[in-house]
Amino acid sequence: MNMAPSSLLILALLLAVPDQEKQEPAATPQVRVRLEAPLRLNPSKAILVRFTIENATDGEIDVDEPADYLDGLEILDADGKVIRPFGTSTAAKRSLKLEKGGFLGRLVDLKPAIEQAKAKDGAVKLTWKFAGATSNTLEPWLVRDWIATLDTTLGEMKLEFLPEAAPRHVLNFVDLAQRGQYDGSTFHRVIPGFMAQGGQPKDPQTFRLKAEFNRYPHDVGTLSMARTNEPDSAQSEFFICFARLPGLDGKYTVFGQLVAGEPVLRKIEKAQTDHSPCAKCGNKSDKSTPCCGSHHEDRPKVDIVIKTIKITEKENR
């Protein structure tokens, strides 16, 4: 049989590959491994994550349970930089048998690994390797239980955050407050029966926050994020509700709640603004009207200044 020159060349190249360069197929792991954790983890407390080892075969297998589950854990920061690499342990392991369909689950405290990695508040990525198997990658948020104390010209208000519902918005507010961006700003929009809006920072902001709409209702003292008509357009401005406002639920990101200082909130609500009365439309009501925000700004006639916002961590009990 005659063969074309090109076919002869390919055959010669294949025969020339040394045996040591021929790659053996990777062995299929006998186990499947999985990580499970809430969206938000508090680095000031025990950080409990569930590690699961599952028999991936059709029969019984022997498994050497790791002496320290954290050895096989990798931690990346939000930018994908490895801040804690996979490790290996020479510590004694406990041998056990897993029947077909069997699994082993452990709740493990990640706090030592998080501290070792010096992970900051924010998003992280967690992946675990064991016995040749690689787990799913979790992407939880590390957020402490922060409290904000607003010192205003009308008194002091205290707000607690809801990091389990809106971690991105909580960290954004905390960051701006800690950098003094809110100091000296005002509640520039006040509508009785509706809300007080503030949060114009000292320096213009260019970022846009992805919406974190959640199940929390807009009620008296609710802290929520202002935005444009685009859902993912929030930056720094926030508002505090004067009443139950069901029309805002699921449309704006709730990320905190007033826990002290409601009398101060009511003083803000009673502040005279540029529409009580409005020189342009003649409105004499203190209540919200269809033209609020169109030809008048609902701006208080006397500035209500946020002198400082102090961020502290809630005491663990």
Protein backbone atom coordinates (compact mmCIF):
# COMPACT_ATOMS: atom_id res chain seq x y z
CA MET A 1 0.00 0.00 0.00
CA ASN A 2 1.38 3.37 -0.98
CA MET A 3 1.30 6.14 1.65
CA ALA A 4 1.47 9.85 0.97
CA PRO A 5 4.67 11.59 2.14
CA SER A 6 2.68 13.66 4.67
CA SER A 7 1.23 10.49 6.24
CA LEU A 8 4.70 8.95 6.49
CA LEU A 9 5.97 12.08 8.25
CA ILE A 10 3.18 12.02 10.85
CA LEU A 11 3.78 8.30 11.49
CA ALA A 12 7.50 8.91 11.95
CA LEU A 13 6.87 11.71 14.44
CA LEU A 14 4.50 9.57 16.48
CA LEU A 15 7.02 6.68 16.62
CA ALA A 16 9.75 9.09 17.68
CA VAL A 17 8.00 10.18 20.91
CA PRO A 18 9.95 8.68 23.84
CA ASP A 19 7.98 6.50 26.26
CA GLN A 20 8.78 8.77 29.20
CA GLU A 21 7.05 11.69 27.46
CA LYS A 22 3.80 9.78 26.97
CA GLN A 23 1.46 11.06 29.70
CA GLU A 24 -0.50 8.57 31.73
CA PRO A 25 -4.14 9.52 32.30
CA ALA A 26 -4.71 11.08 35.73
CA ALA A 27 -6.30 8.77 38.27
CA THR A 28 -9.90 9.60 39.08
CA PRO A 29 -10.24 10.68 42.74
CA GLN A 30 -12.17 8.25 44.92
CA VAL A 31 -13.85 11.11 46.75
CA ARG A 32 -15.77 14.29 46.05
CA VAL A 33 -15.19 17.24 48.38
CA ARG A 34 -17.38 20.27 49.04
CA LEU A 35 -17.37 23.52 51.04
CA GLU A 36 -20.49 25.19 52.43
CA ALA A 37 -20.77 28.54 54.25
CA PRO A 38 -23.03 31.60 54.55
CA LEU A 39 -22.57 34.52 52.16
CA ARG A 40 -21.25 36.64 55.02
CA LEU A 41 -18.65 35.61 57.61
CA ASN A 42 -17.69 37.66 60.68
CA PRO A 43 -13.88 37.54 61.19
CA SER A 44 -14.30 38.64 64.81
CA LYS A 45 -16.09 35.40 65.69
CA ALA A 46 -15.67 31.71 64.92
CA ILE A 47 -15.88 31.36 61.13
CA LEU A 48 -17.62 28.02 60.71
CA VAL A 49 -17.46 26.35 57.30
CA ARG A 50 -18.69 22.84 56.51
CA PHE A 51 -16.15 20.51 54.86
CA THR A 52 -17.65 17.37 53.27
CA ILE A 53 -15.87 14.24 51.97
CA GLU A 54 -18.11 11.97 49.90
CA ASN A 55 -17.46 8.49 48.48
CA ALA A 56 -17.40 8.88 44.68
CA THR A 57 -17.10 5.16 43.88
CA ASP A 58 -19.52 2.25 43.62
CA GLY A 59 -18.01 0.42 46.57
CA GLU A 60 -16.56 0.84 50.03
CA ILE A 61 -13.32 2.85 50.29
CA ASP A 62 -10.69 3.62 52.92
CA VAL A 63 -10.19 7.31 53.66
CA ASP A 64 -7.51 8.98 55.75
CA GLU A 65 -9.37 11.85 57.38
CA PRO A 66 -7.07 14.92 57.53
CA ALA A 67 -5.71 15.80 60.93
CA ASP A 68 -6.20 19.48 60.06
CA TYR A 69 -8.75 20.37 57.39
CA LEU A 70 -7.21 23.82 57.00
CA ASP A 71 -4.03 22.34 55.51
CA GLY A 72 -5.66 21.89 52.12
CA LEU A 73 -7.40 25.27 52.10
CA GLU A 74 -6.42 28.05 49.70
CA ILE A 75 -7.54 31.65 50.27
CA LEU A 76 -7.55 34.33 47.58
CA ASP A 77 -8.43 37.98 47.99
CA ALA A 78 -11.03 39.76 45.85
CA ASP A 79 -8.43 40.42 43.13
CA GLY A 80 -7.53 36.74 42.87
CA LYS A 81 -4.18 37.08 44.68
CA VAL A 82 -3.23 34.05 46.77
CA ILE A 83 -2.96 35.16 50.39
CA ARG A 84 -2.87 31.63 51.83
CA PRO A 85 -1.72 28.77 49.56
CA PHE A 86 -2.69 25.12 49.69
CA GLY A 87 -0.61 23.28 52.28
CA THR A 88 0.28 19.72 53.21
CA SER A 89 0.39 18.13 56.64
CA THR A 90 2.52 15.31 58.01
CA ALA A 91 0.36 15.03 61.13
CA ALA A 92 -1.21 11.66 61.95
CA LYS A 93 -4.49 10.99 60.20
CA ARG A 94 -7.49 8.93 61.26
CA SER A 95 -8.35 6.08 58.90
CA LEU A 96 -11.99 5.25 58.33
CA LYS A 97 -14.19 3.47 55.83
CA LEU A 98 -16.88 5.08 53.70
CA GLU A 99 -19.52 2.84 52.21
CA LYS A 100 -21.06 3.47 48.80
CA GLY A 101 -22.90 6.82 48.98
CA GLY A 102 -21.33 7.56 52.37
CA PHE A 103 -19.91 10.91 53.40
CA LEU A 104 -18.18 12.68 56.24
CA GLY A 105 -18.96 16.26 57.20
CA ARG A 106 -17.14 18.52 59.64
CA LEU A 107 -17.74 22.09 60.79
CA VAL A 108 -14.33 23.75 60.83
CA ASP A 109 -13.38 27.15 62.24
CA LEU A 110 -11.56 29.14 59.55
CA LYS A 111 -10.58 31.95 61.88
CA PRO A 112 -6.95 30.76 62.34
CA ALA A 113 -6.49 30.53 58.56
CA ILE A 114 -8.12 33.92 57.98
CA GLU A 115 -5.87 35.52 60.57
CA GLN A 116 -2.79 33.79 59.16
CA ALA A 117 -3.65 35.14 55.71
CA LYS A 118 -4.21 38.62 57.20
CA ALA A 119 -7.39 38.83 55.14
CA LYS A 120 -9.09 42.22 55.28
CA ASP A 121 -12.83 42.86 55.36
CA GLY A 122 -14.16 42.22 51.88
CA ALA A 123 -14.69 39.38 49.45
CA VAL A 124 -12.47 36.27 49.54
CA LYS A 125 -12.33 33.01 47.60
CA LEU A 126 -11.99 29.67 49.39
CA THR A 127 -11.02 26.36 47.71
CA TRP A 128 -10.10 23.05 49.35
CA LYS A 129 -8.04 20.12 48.03
CA PHE A 130 -8.08 16.64 49.54
CA ALA A 131 -7.07 13.20 48.28
CA GLY A 132 -6.67 14.38 44.70
CA ALA A 133 -10.08 16.08 44.62
CA THR A 134 -10.74 19.82 44.44
CA SER A 135 -13.81 21.39 46.00
CA ASN A 136 -16.14 24.07 44.74
CA THR A 137 -14.91 27.65 45.28
CA LEU A 138 -16.81 29.68 47.86
CA GLU A 139 -16.85 33.47 47.57
CA PRO A 140 -18.07 34.77 50.95
CA TRP A 141 -17.71 38.28 52.33
CA LEU A 142 -15.72 39.00 55.47
CA VAL A 143 -17.63 41.76 57.27
CA ARG A 144 -17.57 42.60 60.95
CA ASP A 145 -20.58 43.80 62.95
CA TRP A 146 -20.06 47.53 62.48
CA ILE A 147 -22.05 50.35 64.10
CA ALA A 148 -22.20 53.91 62.77
CA THR A 149 -22.75 56.87 65.09
CA LEU A 150 -23.86 60.00 63.22
CA ASP A 151 -23.13 63.21 65.12
CA THR A 152 -25.38 65.86 63.55
CA THR A 153 -26.27 69.45 64.35
CA LEU A 154 -29.63 68.17 65.63
CA GLY A 155 -28.20 65.39 67.79
CA GLU A 156 -26.80 61.88 67.60
CA MET A 157 -28.16 58.82 65.81
CA LYS A 158 -26.84 55.26 65.91
CA LEU A 159 -27.18 52.78 63.04
CA GLU A 160 -26.49 49.05 62.90
CA PHE A 161 -25.71 47.41 59.58
CA LEU A 162 -27.09 44.32 57.84
CA PRO A 163 -23.97 42.73 56.29
CA GLU A 164 -25.70 39.39 55.73
CA ALA A 165 -28.11 41.15 53.34
CA ALA A 166 -25.89 43.75 51.63
CA PRO A 167 -22.18 43.24 52.42
CA ARG A 168 -20.97 45.34 49.48
CA HIS A 169 -23.05 48.35 50.55
CA VAL A 170 -22.04 48.02 54.21
CA LEU A 171 -18.33 47.97 53.39
CA ASN A 172 -18.73 50.90 51.01
CA PHE A 173 -20.42 53.04 53.69
CA VAL A 174 -17.87 52.01 56.34
CA ASP A 175 -14.97 52.82 54.02
CA LEU A 176 -16.32 56.28 53.12
CA ALA A 177 -17.08 57.08 56.75
CA GLN A 178 -13.67 55.93 58.01
CA ARG A 179 -11.99 58.11 55.37
CA GLY A 180 -13.98 61.13 56.56
CA GLN A 181 -15.81 61.53 53.25
CA TYR A 182 -19.14 62.18 55.01
CA ASP A 183 -17.77 64.64 57.60
CA GLY A 184 -19.34 68.07 57.10
CA SER A 185 -21.93 66.82 54.59
CA THR A 186 -25.65 67.53 55.02
CA PHE A 187 -29.04 65.91 54.82
CA HIS A 188 -29.69 67.81 51.62
CA ARG A 189 -33.16 66.38 50.91
CA VAL A 190 -35.91 65.99 53.51
CA ILE A 191 -39.49 64.98 52.71
CA PRO A 192 -41.79 64.60 55.75
CA GLY A 193 -43.54 61.25 55.88
CA PHE A 194 -41.00 59.88 53.44
CA MET A 195 -37.24 60.11 54.10
CA ALA A 196 -34.09 62.17 54.73
CA GLN A 197 -31.32 61.84 52.16
CA GLY A 198 -27.64 62.60 52.70
CA GLY A 199 -24.20 61.31 51.91
CA GLN A 200 -22.75 63.66 49.30
CA PRO A 201 -19.00 63.02 49.85
CA LYS A 202 -16.15 65.51 49.88
CA ASP A 203 -14.57 63.97 46.79
CA PRO A 204 -16.56 62.95 43.68
CA GLN A 205 -17.10 59.20 43.44
CA THR A 206 -16.68 57.34 40.16
CA PHE A 207 -17.58 53.78 41.22
CA ARG A 208 -21.02 52.16 40.87
CA LEU A 209 -22.32 49.60 43.36
CA LYS A 210 -24.05 46.45 42.18
CA ALA A 211 -27.54 46.36 43.70
CA GLU A 212 -28.13 44.03 46.64
CA PHE A 213 -31.92 44.14 46.84
CA ASN A 214 -33.11 41.98 49.72
CA ARG A 215 -36.05 40.92 51.86
CA TYR A 216 -35.76 43.69 54.46
CA PRO A 217 -38.65 46.21 54.34
CA HIS A 218 -38.33 49.99 54.28
CA ASP A 219 -39.70 51.03 57.66
CA VAL A 220 -39.13 53.71 60.28
CA GLY A 221 -35.38 54.19 60.67
CA THR A 222 -34.40 51.94 57.76
CA LEU A 223 -31.05 52.86 56.18
CA SER A 224 -31.14 52.38 52.42
CA MET A 225 -29.06 53.43 49.42
CA ALA A 226 -30.04 56.15 46.97
CA ARG A 227 -29.53 55.54 43.25
CA THR A 228 -30.58 56.72 39.80
CA ASN A 229 -33.05 54.87 37.58
CA GLU A 230 -30.33 52.28 36.94
CA PRO A 231 -30.38 49.51 39.59
CA ASP A 232 -26.57 49.27 39.75
CA SER A 233 -25.88 52.99 40.12
CA ALA A 234 -25.57 53.63 43.87
CA GLN A 235 -22.43 55.45 44.98
CA SER A 236 -22.35 57.21 48.34
CA GLU A 237 -25.75 58.82 48.99
CA PHE A 238 -28.09 57.13 51.46
CA PHE A 239 -31.47 57.81 53.03
CA ILE A 240 -33.21 57.08 56.33
CA CYS A 241 -36.95 56.40 56.26
CA PHE A 242 -39.49 58.34 58.34
CA ALA A 243 -42.29 55.77 57.84
CA ARG A 244 -43.17 52.39 56.39
CA LEU A 245 -42.59 52.71 52.63
CA PRO A 246 -43.61 49.46 50.89
CA GLY A 247 -43.25 51.04 47.44
CA LEU A 248 -39.46 51.03 47.90
CA ASP A 249 -39.15 47.37 48.94
CA GLY A 250 -37.05 45.31 46.57
CA LYS A 251 -36.15 48.39 44.53
CA TYR A 252 -33.54 49.99 46.78
CA THR A 253 -30.84 48.27 48.84
CA VAL A 254 -31.56 48.18 52.56
CA PHE A 255 -28.28 47.85 54.48
CA GLY A 256 -28.89 49.14 58.00
CA GLN A 257 -31.33 50.19 60.70
CA LEU A 258 -31.60 53.03 63.22
CA VAL A 259 -31.19 51.61 66.74
CA ALA A 260 -30.89 54.82 68.78
CA GLY A 261 -31.79 58.47 68.21
CA GLU A 262 -35.31 58.38 66.79
CA PRO A 263 -36.11 61.77 68.44
CA VAL A 264 -33.28 63.24 66.33
CA LEU A 265 -34.75 61.61 63.22
CA ARG A 266 -38.10 63.27 64.00
CA LYS A 267 -36.40 66.65 64.37
CA ILE A 268 -34.93 66.19 60.91
CA GLU A 269 -38.38 65.29 59.57
CA LYS A 270 -39.84 68.54 60.92
CA ALA A 271 -37.19 70.75 59.30
CA GLN A 272 -38.60 73.44 57.01
CA THR A 273 -37.61 72.97 53.39
CA ASP A 274 -37.90 74.85 50.10
CA HIS A 275 -41.39 73.48 49.48
CA SER A 276 -43.04 74.30 52.76
CA PRO A 277 -44.31 76.44 51.14
CA CYS A 278 -42.86 76.14 47.63
CA ALA A 279 -42.51 79.50 45.84
CA LYS A 280 -42.79 77.84 42.42
CA CYS A 281 -45.86 75.61 42.72
CA GLY A 282 -47.55 77.12 45.75
CA ASN A 283 -47.56 73.85 47.64
CA LYS A 284 -48.13 74.48 51.35
CA SER A 285 -48.12 70.89 52.56
CA ASP A 286 -45.21 69.34 54.42
CA LYS A 287 -46.06 65.98 52.87
CA SER A 288 -44.50 64.38 49.81
CA THR A 289 -46.02 65.57 46.52
CA PRO A 290 -45.68 64.46 42.87
CA CYS A 291 -43.40 67.42 42.16
CA CYS A 292 -40.93 66.60 44.93
CA GLY A 293 -37.48 66.49 43.38
CA SER A 294 -38.61 68.06 40.10
CA HIS A 295 -38.74 71.85 40.44
CA HIS A 296 -37.91 72.03 44.13
CA GLU A 297 -35.13 70.13 45.89
CA ASP A 298 -36.73 69.53 49.32
CA ARG A 299 -33.60 71.13 50.76
CA PRO A 300 -33.81 72.24 54.43
CA LYS A 301 -33.72 76.01 54.85
CA VAL A 302 -31.19 75.54 57.66
CA ASP A 303 -28.44 73.03 56.93
CA ILE A 304 -28.62 69.80 58.91
CA VAL A 305 -24.94 68.89 59.06
CA ILE A 306 -23.42 65.47 59.64
CA LYS A 307 -20.43 66.63 61.64
CA THR A 308 -18.80 63.20 61.86
CA ILE A 309 -19.64 59.53 61.42
CA LYS A 310 -17.83 57.28 63.87
CA ILE A 311 -17.51 53.59 62.97
CA THR A 312 -17.09 51.10 65.82
CA GLU A 313 -17.33 47.35 66.07
CA LYS A 314 -20.29 45.92 67.93
CA GLU A 315 -19.27 44.11 71.10
CA ASN A 316 -19.50 40.33 70.77
CA ARG A 317 -21.66 38.71 73.41
